[in-house]
Amino acid sequence: MPMTTQTISERYLREFVYGAIDGTVTTFAIVSGVVGANLSPSIVLVLGLANVLADGFSMASSNFLAERSEIALHHGVEALPAGTKAPLKTASVTFFSFITVGFIPLFPFALAFFVPAVLPYEFGLSIALTAVAFVGIGAVRGIVTKHRATQSALETLLVGGLAALISFAVGYFLRGLAGGV
């Protein structure tokens, strides 16, 4: 079996796609759930930032431990000290893709804090930027895998859009539970 060398983008594609999509979906789920429940936009920032940082760290930690488990399983426990660099790299890619792309749905709410004219458009801008993020992730996926970038972008947009729709619906149908918040 011939040995192939992977480019950096090929080697870390899985971590980028997984981190970026999950970061975007979970953050937009908070945005759309809060908006659907008709809660204060400041709640979006509090919950969204907490999600981006804590969930991003959680995913990176999980990635690190999973990679170390794979090394131990396939190469023995004695390979772990020498095999620490790869798990740190994959965990870093997961973390940075999660927090950078995951912040995109929050950007209009953060911007509105400094530019009040954005206030009436926060959710619409968040929807548009989130859609662009999904399309971008999918396009990168398609380019790196040498598959149809457009098809990959639309597929990612569809999957992310469905997750967003679910979270908005939950917030909308449970908005009465928030009461005086």
N, C-alpha and C. Protein backbone atom coordinates (compact mmCIF):
# COMPACT_ATOMS: atom_id res chain seq x y z
N MET A 1 0.85 -1.16 0.00
CA MET A 1 0.00 0.00 0.00
C MET A 1 0.90 1.24 0.00
N PRO A 2 0.76 2.13 -1.03
CA PRO A 2 1.63 3.30 -1.09
C PRO A 2 1.28 4.30 0.02
N MET A 3 2.32 4.90 0.55
CA MET A 3 2.14 5.89 1.62
C MET A 3 1.91 7.26 0.97
N THR A 4 0.85 7.94 1.36
CA THR A 4 0.59 9.26 0.82
C THR A 4 0.80 10.29 1.91
N THR A 5 1.28 11.44 1.50
CA THR A 5 1.44 12.52 2.46
C THR A 5 0.25 13.45 2.33
N GLN A 6 -0.24 13.86 3.45
CA GLN A 6 -1.40 14.76 3.47
C GLN A 6 -0.93 16.19 3.64
N THR A 7 -1.66 17.07 2.99
CA THR A 7 -1.41 18.49 3.23
C THR A 7 -1.96 18.84 4.61
N ILE A 8 -1.60 19.98 5.12
CA ILE A 8 -2.11 20.41 6.42
C ILE A 8 -3.62 20.52 6.39
N SER A 9 -4.17 21.06 5.29
CA SER A 9 -5.63 21.21 5.20
C SER A 9 -6.31 19.85 5.16
N GLU A 10 -5.70 18.87 4.53
CA GLU A 10 -6.28 17.52 4.51
C GLU A 10 -6.18 16.86 5.89
N ARG A 11 -5.06 17.04 6.55
CA ARG A 11 -4.83 16.41 7.85
C ARG A 11 -5.81 16.91 8.91
N TYR A 12 -6.11 18.20 8.89
CA TYR A 12 -6.94 18.78 9.93
C TYR A 12 -8.35 19.14 9.46
N LEU A 13 -8.74 18.66 8.30
CA LEU A 13 -10.08 18.96 7.77
C LEU A 13 -11.18 18.49 8.72
N ARG A 14 -11.04 17.28 9.22
CA ARG A 14 -12.06 16.73 10.12
C ARG A 14 -12.26 17.63 11.33
N GLU A 15 -11.16 18.04 11.97
CA GLU A 15 -11.25 18.88 13.16
C GLU A 15 -11.84 20.25 12.83
N PHE A 16 -11.43 20.81 11.67
CA PHE A 16 -11.97 22.11 11.27
C PHE A 16 -13.48 22.02 11.03
N VAL A 17 -13.91 21.05 10.23
CA VAL A 17 -15.33 20.93 9.89
C VAL A 17 -16.15 20.64 11.14
N TYR A 18 -15.70 19.71 11.93
CA TYR A 18 -16.43 19.34 13.14
C TYR A 18 -16.53 20.51 14.11
N GLY A 19 -15.40 21.17 14.37
CA GLY A 19 -15.40 22.30 15.30
C GLY A 19 -16.20 23.48 14.77
N ALA A 20 -16.00 23.82 13.49
CA ALA A 20 -16.68 24.99 12.92
C ALA A 20 -18.19 24.79 12.85
N ILE A 21 -18.62 23.63 12.37
CA ILE A 21 -20.06 23.39 12.28
C ILE A 21 -20.68 23.34 13.67
N ASP A 22 -20.07 22.61 14.58
CA ASP A 22 -20.65 22.52 15.91
C ASP A 22 -20.67 23.88 16.61
N GLY A 23 -19.60 24.64 16.46
CA GLY A 23 -19.56 25.97 17.05
C GLY A 23 -20.66 26.86 16.50
N THR A 24 -20.85 26.81 15.19
CA THR A 24 -21.87 27.64 14.56
C THR A 24 -23.27 27.18 14.94
N VAL A 25 -23.50 25.87 14.89
CA VAL A 25 -24.83 25.34 15.22
C VAL A 25 -25.20 25.62 16.67
N THR A 26 -24.30 25.31 17.59
CA THR A 26 -24.67 25.48 19.00
C THR A 26 -24.84 26.96 19.36
N THR A 27 -24.00 27.80 18.78
CA THR A 27 -24.14 29.23 19.08
C THR A 27 -25.41 29.79 18.44
N PHE A 28 -25.68 29.42 17.19
CA PHE A 28 -26.90 29.91 16.57
C PHE A 28 -28.14 29.31 17.24
N ALA A 29 -28.01 28.12 17.80
CA ALA A 29 -29.12 27.54 18.54
C ALA A 29 -29.47 28.43 19.73
N ILE A 30 -28.46 28.95 20.39
CA ILE A 30 -28.70 29.87 21.51
C ILE A 30 -29.35 31.15 21.00
N VAL A 31 -28.81 31.70 19.92
CA VAL A 31 -29.36 32.93 19.35
C VAL A 31 -30.83 32.73 18.99
N SER A 32 -31.10 31.70 18.20
CA SER A 32 -32.48 31.52 17.72
C SER A 32 -33.42 31.08 18.84
N GLY A 33 -32.92 30.31 19.79
CA GLY A 33 -33.75 29.94 20.94
C GLY A 33 -34.14 31.13 21.78
N VAL A 34 -33.18 32.02 22.04
CA VAL A 34 -33.45 33.23 22.82
C VAL A 34 -34.40 34.15 22.08
N VAL A 35 -34.17 34.33 20.78
CA VAL A 35 -35.06 35.18 19.97
C VAL A 35 -36.45 34.55 19.89
N GLY A 36 -36.50 33.23 19.67
CA GLY A 36 -37.78 32.54 19.60
C GLY A 36 -38.57 32.65 20.88
N ALA A 37 -37.86 32.66 22.02
CA ALA A 37 -38.51 32.80 23.32
C ALA A 37 -38.80 34.24 23.67
N ASN A 38 -38.38 35.16 22.80
CA ASN A 38 -38.60 36.59 22.99
C ASN A 38 -37.93 37.11 24.27
N LEU A 39 -36.70 36.65 24.50
CA LEU A 39 -35.93 37.10 25.65
C LEU A 39 -35.03 38.26 25.25
N SER A 40 -34.43 38.90 26.22
CA SER A 40 -33.56 40.05 26.00
C SER A 40 -32.34 39.67 25.15
N PRO A 41 -31.98 40.52 24.18
CA PRO A 41 -30.80 40.27 23.37
C PRO A 41 -29.50 40.15 24.19
N SER A 42 -29.46 40.77 25.36
CA SER A 42 -28.26 40.64 26.20
C SER A 42 -28.05 39.19 26.64
N ILE A 43 -29.14 38.44 26.76
CA ILE A 43 -29.04 37.03 27.12
C ILE A 43 -28.31 36.26 26.02
N VAL A 44 -28.51 36.68 24.76
CA VAL A 44 -27.80 36.05 23.65
C VAL A 44 -26.30 36.15 23.86
N LEU A 45 -25.82 37.34 24.23
CA LEU A 45 -24.38 37.53 24.43
C LEU A 45 -23.85 36.72 25.60
N VAL A 46 -24.57 36.73 26.72
CA VAL A 46 -24.11 36.01 27.90
C VAL A 46 -24.04 34.51 27.61
N LEU A 47 -25.14 33.94 27.15
CA LEU A 47 -25.18 32.51 26.87
C LEU A 47 -24.29 32.14 25.69
N GLY A 48 -24.28 32.98 24.67
CA GLY A 48 -23.48 32.70 23.48
C GLY A 48 -22.00 32.68 23.77
N LEU A 49 -21.51 33.68 24.49
CA LEU A 49 -20.08 33.71 24.83
C LEU A 49 -19.71 32.56 25.75
N ALA A 50 -20.57 32.26 26.71
CA ALA A 50 -20.31 31.12 27.59
C ALA A 50 -20.24 29.83 26.78
N ASN A 51 -21.15 29.69 25.82
CA ASN A 51 -21.15 28.50 24.97
C ASN A 51 -19.89 28.42 24.13
N VAL A 52 -19.54 29.50 23.45
CA VAL A 52 -18.39 29.49 22.55
C VAL A 52 -17.12 29.08 23.31
N LEU A 53 -16.91 29.66 24.46
CA LEU A 53 -15.67 29.38 25.19
C LEU A 53 -15.70 28.02 25.90
N ALA A 54 -16.76 27.74 26.64
CA ALA A 54 -16.82 26.49 27.40
C ALA A 54 -16.99 25.28 26.49
N ASP A 55 -17.90 25.37 25.53
CA ASP A 55 -18.12 24.23 24.65
C ASP A 55 -16.92 24.03 23.71
N GLY A 56 -16.30 25.13 23.30
CA GLY A 56 -15.10 25.02 22.48
C GLY A 56 -13.99 24.31 23.24
N PHE A 57 -13.80 24.66 24.50
CA PHE A 57 -12.80 23.99 25.32
C PHE A 57 -13.17 22.53 25.54
N SER A 58 -14.45 22.27 25.79
CA SER A 58 -14.91 20.90 26.00
C SER A 58 -14.65 20.04 24.76
N MET A 59 -14.97 20.58 23.60
CA MET A 59 -14.73 19.81 22.37
C MET A 59 -13.25 19.57 22.14
N ALA A 60 -12.43 20.58 22.40
CA ALA A 60 -10.98 20.43 22.22
C ALA A 60 -10.43 19.39 23.20
N SER A 61 -10.90 19.43 24.44
CA SER A 61 -10.46 18.45 25.43
C SER A 61 -10.87 17.04 25.03
N SER A 62 -12.09 16.91 24.56
CA SER A 62 -12.58 15.61 24.11
C SER A 62 -11.76 15.11 22.93
N ASN A 63 -11.45 16.02 22.00
CA ASN A 63 -10.63 15.66 20.85
C ASN A 63 -9.25 15.18 21.32
N PHE A 64 -8.65 15.92 22.24
CA PHE A 64 -7.33 15.57 22.77
C PHE A 64 -7.34 14.17 23.38
N LEU A 65 -8.32 13.91 24.25
CA LEU A 65 -8.39 12.61 24.91
C LEU A 65 -8.72 11.48 23.94
N ALA A 66 -9.56 11.76 22.94
CA ALA A 66 -9.87 10.75 21.94
C ALA A 66 -8.64 10.40 21.11
N GLU A 67 -7.88 11.42 20.71
CA GLU A 67 -6.65 11.18 19.95
C GLU A 67 -5.65 10.37 20.78
N ARG A 68 -5.51 10.71 22.05
CA ARG A 68 -4.58 9.95 22.92
C ARG A 68 -5.06 8.52 23.07
N SER A 69 -6.36 8.31 23.14
CA SER A 69 -6.91 6.96 23.24
C SER A 69 -6.60 6.15 21.98
N GLU A 70 -6.73 6.79 20.82
CA GLU A 70 -6.41 6.12 19.55
C GLU A 70 -4.94 5.71 19.50
N ILE A 71 -4.07 6.62 19.93
CA ILE A 71 -2.63 6.32 19.95
C ILE A 71 -2.35 5.13 20.86
N ALA A 72 -2.93 5.16 22.06
CA ALA A 72 -2.72 4.07 23.01
C ALA A 72 -3.28 2.76 22.48
N LEU A 73 -4.43 2.82 21.82
CA LEU A 73 -5.06 1.61 21.30
C LEU A 73 -4.25 0.98 20.17
N HIS A 74 -3.75 1.81 19.26
CA HIS A 74 -3.08 1.28 18.08
C HIS A 74 -1.57 1.16 18.21
N HIS A 75 -0.97 1.90 19.14
CA HIS A 75 0.48 1.89 19.25
C HIS A 75 0.98 1.56 20.65
N GLY A 76 0.08 1.31 21.58
CA GLY A 76 0.47 0.97 22.94
C GLY A 76 0.60 2.20 23.81
N VAL A 77 0.40 1.97 25.09
CA VAL A 77 0.45 3.05 26.07
C VAL A 77 1.83 3.70 26.10
N GLU A 78 2.87 2.94 25.84
CA GLU A 78 4.22 3.50 25.87
C GLU A 78 4.44 4.55 24.78
N ALA A 79 3.60 4.59 23.75
CA ALA A 79 3.71 5.58 22.67
C ALA A 79 3.11 6.93 23.05
N LEU A 80 2.39 6.99 24.17
CA LEU A 80 1.69 8.23 24.54
C LEU A 80 2.60 9.44 24.73
N PRO A 81 3.68 9.36 25.48
CA PRO A 81 4.51 10.56 25.62
C PRO A 81 5.02 11.09 24.27
N ALA A 82 5.44 10.20 23.39
CA ALA A 82 5.92 10.62 22.07
C ALA A 82 4.77 11.09 21.18
N GLY A 83 3.58 10.59 21.44
CA GLY A 83 2.42 10.92 20.60
C GLY A 83 1.57 12.05 21.13
N THR A 84 2.12 12.89 22.00
CA THR A 84 1.34 13.98 22.60
C THR A 84 1.17 15.16 21.65
N LYS A 85 2.12 15.35 20.74
CA LYS A 85 2.06 16.51 19.86
C LYS A 85 0.84 16.48 18.93
N ALA A 86 0.55 15.33 18.33
CA ALA A 86 -0.59 15.22 17.40
C ALA A 86 -1.92 15.54 18.09
N PRO A 87 -2.20 14.97 19.29
CA PRO A 87 -3.45 15.33 19.95
C PRO A 87 -3.56 16.81 20.29
N LEU A 88 -2.45 17.44 20.65
CA LEU A 88 -2.48 18.88 20.94
C LEU A 88 -2.81 19.68 19.68
N LYS A 89 -2.28 19.26 18.56
CA LYS A 89 -2.55 19.96 17.30
C LYS A 89 -4.01 19.80 16.89
N THR A 90 -4.53 18.58 16.94
CA THR A 90 -5.93 18.38 16.54
C THR A 90 -6.88 19.09 17.49
N ALA A 91 -6.56 19.05 18.79
CA ALA A 91 -7.40 19.75 19.77
C ALA A 91 -7.38 21.25 19.52
N SER A 92 -6.23 21.78 19.16
CA SER A 92 -6.11 23.22 18.88
C SER A 92 -6.94 23.62 17.67
N VAL A 93 -6.89 22.81 16.62
CA VAL A 93 -7.69 23.11 15.42
C VAL A 93 -9.18 23.07 15.77
N THR A 94 -9.60 22.08 16.54
CA THR A 94 -10.99 21.99 16.95
C THR A 94 -11.40 23.22 17.74
N PHE A 95 -10.58 23.60 18.71
CA PHE A 95 -10.90 24.75 19.56
C PHE A 95 -10.98 26.04 18.75
N PHE A 96 -9.96 26.32 17.95
CA PHE A 96 -9.93 27.59 17.23
C PHE A 96 -11.00 27.66 16.14
N SER A 97 -11.30 26.55 15.49
CA SER A 97 -12.39 26.60 14.50
C SER A 97 -13.73 26.78 15.20
N PHE A 98 -13.90 26.14 16.36
CA PHE A 98 -15.15 26.28 17.11
C PHE A 98 -15.36 27.72 17.55
N ILE A 99 -14.34 28.33 18.16
CA ILE A 99 -14.56 29.68 18.70
C ILE A 99 -14.60 30.75 17.61
N THR A 100 -13.79 30.62 16.58
CA THR A 100 -13.80 31.67 15.55
C THR A 100 -15.06 31.62 14.70
N VAL A 101 -15.39 30.46 14.19
CA VAL A 101 -16.59 30.36 13.35
C VAL A 101 -17.84 30.38 14.24
N GLY A 102 -17.73 29.82 15.44
CA GLY A 102 -18.86 29.82 16.36
C GLY A 102 -19.25 31.20 16.86
N PHE A 103 -18.34 32.16 16.79
CA PHE A 103 -18.66 33.52 17.20
C PHE A 103 -19.49 34.26 16.15
N ILE A 104 -19.47 33.80 14.93
CA ILE A 104 -20.15 34.50 13.83
C ILE A 104 -21.63 34.80 14.14
N PRO A 105 -22.42 33.85 14.64
CA PRO A 105 -23.83 34.18 14.94
C PRO A 105 -23.99 35.25 16.02
N LEU A 106 -22.99 35.41 16.88
CA LEU A 106 -23.04 36.41 17.95
C LEU A 106 -22.61 37.79 17.50
N PHE A 107 -21.89 37.85 16.40
CA PHE A 107 -21.29 39.11 15.98
C PHE A 107 -22.28 40.27 15.90
N PRO A 108 -23.46 40.10 15.28
CA PRO A 108 -24.40 41.24 15.22
C PRO A 108 -24.85 41.71 16.60
N PHE A 109 -24.97 40.81 17.55
CA PHE A 109 -25.40 41.18 18.91
C PHE A 109 -24.28 41.93 19.62
N ALA A 110 -23.04 41.51 19.41
CA ALA A 110 -21.89 42.22 19.98
C ALA A 110 -21.74 43.59 19.31
N LEU A 111 -21.93 43.65 18.00
CA LEU A 111 -21.83 44.90 17.27
C LEU A 111 -22.90 45.89 17.73
N ALA A 112 -24.12 45.40 17.97
CA ALA A 112 -25.22 46.26 18.40
C ALA A 112 -24.94 46.89 19.76
N PHE A 113 -24.12 46.23 20.55
CA PHE A 113 -23.74 46.78 21.84
C PHE A 113 -22.97 48.10 21.66
N PHE A 114 -22.19 48.17 20.59
CA PHE A 114 -21.39 49.37 20.30
C PHE A 114 -22.03 50.29 19.27
N VAL A 115 -22.87 49.71 18.40
CA VAL A 115 -23.52 50.48 17.34
C VAL A 115 -25.03 50.24 17.47
N PRO A 116 -25.73 51.06 18.25
CA PRO A 116 -27.16 50.84 18.51
C PRO A 116 -28.03 50.79 17.26
N ALA A 117 -27.59 51.38 16.15
CA ALA A 117 -28.38 51.34 14.92
C ALA A 117 -28.57 49.92 14.40
N VAL A 118 -27.74 48.99 14.85
CA VAL A 118 -27.83 47.59 14.41
C VAL A 118 -28.93 46.84 15.16
N LEU A 119 -29.36 47.36 16.32
CA LEU A 119 -30.33 46.67 17.18
C LEU A 119 -31.52 46.05 16.45
N PRO A 120 -32.22 46.78 15.58
CA PRO A 120 -33.39 46.16 14.95
C PRO A 120 -33.06 45.04 13.96
N TYR A 121 -31.79 44.93 13.61
CA TYR A 121 -31.39 43.97 12.57
C TYR A 121 -30.54 42.82 13.10
N GLU A 122 -30.36 42.73 14.41
CA GLU A 122 -29.48 41.73 15.00
C GLU A 122 -29.78 40.31 14.52
N PHE A 123 -31.03 39.89 14.67
CA PHE A 123 -31.36 38.50 14.33
C PHE A 123 -31.25 38.25 12.83
N GLY A 124 -31.72 39.18 12.03
CA GLY A 124 -31.61 39.01 10.57
C GLY A 124 -30.16 38.93 10.12
N LEU A 125 -29.32 39.79 10.70
CA LEU A 125 -27.89 39.73 10.38
C LEU A 125 -27.26 38.43 10.86
N SER A 126 -27.69 37.97 12.03
CA SER A 126 -27.17 36.71 12.56
C SER A 126 -27.54 35.55 11.64
N ILE A 127 -28.78 35.55 11.15
CA ILE A 127 -29.21 34.50 10.22
C ILE A 127 -28.34 34.54 8.96
N ALA A 128 -28.17 35.73 8.39
CA ALA A 128 -27.40 35.87 7.15
C ALA A 128 -25.94 35.46 7.35
N LEU A 129 -25.31 35.94 8.42
CA LEU A 129 -23.91 35.60 8.67
C LEU A 129 -23.73 34.12 8.98
N THR A 130 -24.69 33.54 9.69
CA THR A 130 -24.63 32.11 9.99
C THR A 130 -24.74 31.30 8.70
N ALA A 131 -25.64 31.70 7.81
CA ALA A 131 -25.77 31.02 6.52
C ALA A 131 -24.47 31.11 5.73
N VAL A 132 -23.87 32.29 5.72
CA VAL A 132 -22.58 32.47 5.03
C VAL A 132 -21.52 31.57 5.66
N ALA A 133 -21.52 31.46 6.99
CA ALA A 133 -20.55 30.60 7.68
C ALA A 133 -20.73 29.14 7.26
N PHE A 134 -21.98 28.67 7.22
CA PHE A 134 -22.24 27.29 6.80
C PHE A 134 -21.79 27.06 5.36
N VAL A 135 -22.10 28.00 4.49
CA VAL A 135 -21.69 27.89 3.08
C VAL A 135 -20.17 27.87 2.99
N GLY A 136 -19.51 28.72 3.76
CA GLY A 136 -18.05 28.77 3.75
C GLY A 136 -17.42 27.47 4.24
N ILE A 137 -17.95 26.93 5.32
CA ILE A 137 -17.43 25.65 5.85
C ILE A 137 -17.60 24.56 4.80
N GLY A 138 -18.78 24.52 4.20
CA GLY A 138 -19.05 23.51 3.18
C GLY A 138 -18.17 23.68 1.96
N ALA A 139 -17.93 24.91 1.56
CA ALA A 139 -17.07 25.17 0.40
C ALA A 139 -15.64 24.71 0.69
N VAL A 140 -15.14 25.02 1.87
CA VAL A 140 -13.79 24.56 2.26
C VAL A 140 -13.75 23.04 2.22
N ARG A 141 -14.78 22.42 2.77
CA ARG A 141 -14.87 20.96 2.76
C ARG A 141 -14.80 20.41 1.35
N GLY A 142 -15.57 21.01 0.45
CA GLY A 142 -15.58 20.55 -0.93
C GLY A 142 -14.26 20.77 -1.65
N ILE A 143 -13.63 21.91 -1.40
CA ILE A 143 -12.36 22.22 -2.05
C ILE A 143 -11.26 21.27 -1.59
N VAL A 144 -11.17 21.07 -0.28
CA VAL A 144 -10.11 20.21 0.26
C VAL A 144 -10.30 18.76 -0.16
N THR A 145 -11.55 18.30 -0.19
CA THR A 145 -11.81 16.90 -0.58
C THR A 145 -11.89 16.72 -2.09
N LYS A 146 -11.80 17.83 -2.82
CA LYS A 146 -11.86 17.82 -4.28
C LYS A 146 -13.18 17.27 -4.80
N HIS A 147 -14.23 17.56 -4.05
CA HIS A 147 -15.60 17.25 -4.48
C HIS A 147 -16.25 18.56 -4.86
N ARG A 148 -17.45 18.49 -5.31
CA ARG A 148 -18.16 19.71 -5.71
C ARG A 148 -18.34 20.64 -4.52
N ALA A 149 -17.66 21.78 -4.57
CA ALA A 149 -17.71 22.74 -3.48
C ALA A 149 -19.13 23.29 -3.29
N THR A 150 -19.84 23.52 -4.39
CA THR A 150 -21.20 24.05 -4.30
C THR A 150 -22.13 23.06 -3.62
N GLN A 151 -22.04 21.80 -4.01
CA GLN A 151 -22.88 20.77 -3.39
C GLN A 151 -22.55 20.62 -1.91
N SER A 152 -21.28 20.63 -1.59
CA SER A 152 -20.85 20.52 -0.21
C SER A 152 -21.33 21.72 0.61
N ALA A 153 -21.26 22.92 0.02
CA ALA A 153 -21.72 24.14 0.70
C ALA A 153 -23.22 24.08 0.97
N LEU A 154 -23.99 23.66 -0.03
CA LEU A 154 -25.45 23.57 0.15
C LEU A 154 -25.82 22.50 1.17
N GLU A 155 -25.11 21.39 1.15
CA GLU A 155 -25.35 20.32 2.12
C GLU A 155 -25.10 20.81 3.55
N THR A 156 -24.01 21.52 3.74
CA THR A 156 -23.69 22.05 5.07
C THR A 156 -24.71 23.11 5.49
N LEU A 157 -25.13 23.95 4.55
CA LEU A 157 -26.15 24.95 4.84
C LEU A 157 -27.47 24.28 5.24
N LEU A 158 -27.85 23.22 4.55
CA LEU A 158 -29.09 22.51 4.87
C LEU A 158 -29.04 21.90 6.27
N VAL A 159 -27.94 21.21 6.58
CA VAL A 159 -27.81 20.57 7.90
C VAL A 159 -27.81 21.63 9.00
N GLY A 160 -27.03 22.68 8.83
CA GLY A 160 -26.98 23.75 9.82
C GLY A 160 -28.31 24.47 9.94
N GLY A 161 -28.97 24.70 8.80
CA GLY A 161 -30.26 25.38 8.80
C GLY A 161 -31.33 24.59 9.54
N LEU A 162 -31.31 23.27 9.38
CA LEU A 162 -32.28 22.44 10.11
C LEU A 162 -32.06 22.52 11.61
N ALA A 163 -30.81 22.50 12.04
CA ALA A 163 -30.51 22.63 13.46
C ALA A 163 -30.99 23.98 13.99
N ALA A 164 -30.78 25.02 13.21
CA ALA A 164 -31.22 26.36 13.61
C ALA A 164 -32.73 26.43 13.71
N LEU A 165 -33.41 25.84 12.74
CA LEU A 165 -34.88 25.83 12.74
C LEU A 165 -35.43 25.10 13.97
N ILE A 166 -34.80 23.99 14.33
CA ILE A 166 -35.23 23.23 15.51
C ILE A 166 -35.09 24.09 16.76
N SER A 167 -33.95 24.77 16.92
CA SER A 167 -33.74 25.56 18.13
C SER A 167 -34.69 26.75 18.20
N PHE A 168 -34.97 27.38 17.06
CA PHE A 168 -35.92 28.49 17.05
C PHE A 168 -37.31 27.98 17.45
N ALA A 169 -37.71 26.83 16.90
CA ALA A 169 -39.03 26.27 17.21
C ALA A 169 -39.15 25.95 18.70
N VAL A 170 -38.11 25.38 19.28
CA VAL A 170 -38.14 25.07 20.71
C VAL A 170 -38.30 26.36 21.51
N GLY A 171 -37.50 27.38 21.20
CA GLY A 171 -37.62 28.66 21.90
C GLY A 171 -38.98 29.28 21.72
N TYR A 172 -39.51 29.21 20.50
CA TYR A 172 -40.81 29.80 20.21
C TYR A 172 -41.93 29.10 21.00
N PHE A 173 -41.92 27.77 20.99
CA PHE A 173 -42.99 27.04 21.66
C PHE A 173 -42.87 27.05 23.18
N LEU A 174 -41.67 27.30 23.69
CA LEU A 174 -41.48 27.34 25.14
C LEU A 174 -41.33 28.77 25.68
N ARG A 175 -41.62 29.75 24.86
CA ARG A 175 -41.40 31.15 25.26
C ARG A 175 -42.19 31.55 26.49
N GLY A 176 -43.31 30.92 26.75
CA GLY A 176 -44.11 31.25 27.93
C GLY A 176 -43.43 30.82 29.22
N LEU A 177 -42.54 29.84 29.16
CA LEU A 177 -41.84 29.37 30.36
C LEU A 177 -40.87 30.40 30.90
N ALA A 178 -40.39 31.29 30.03
CA ALA A 178 -39.40 32.29 30.44
C ALA A 178 -40.05 33.35 31.33
N GLY A 179 -41.33 33.47 31.26
CA GLY A 179 -42.07 34.38 32.12
C GLY A 179 -41.52 35.79 32.17
N GLY A 180 -41.06 36.19 33.32
CA GLY A 180 -40.61 37.56 33.53
C GLY A 180 -39.16 37.82 33.21
N VAL A 181 -38.48 36.90 32.54
CA VAL A 181 -37.06 37.10 32.23
C VAL A 181 -36.89 38.19 31.23
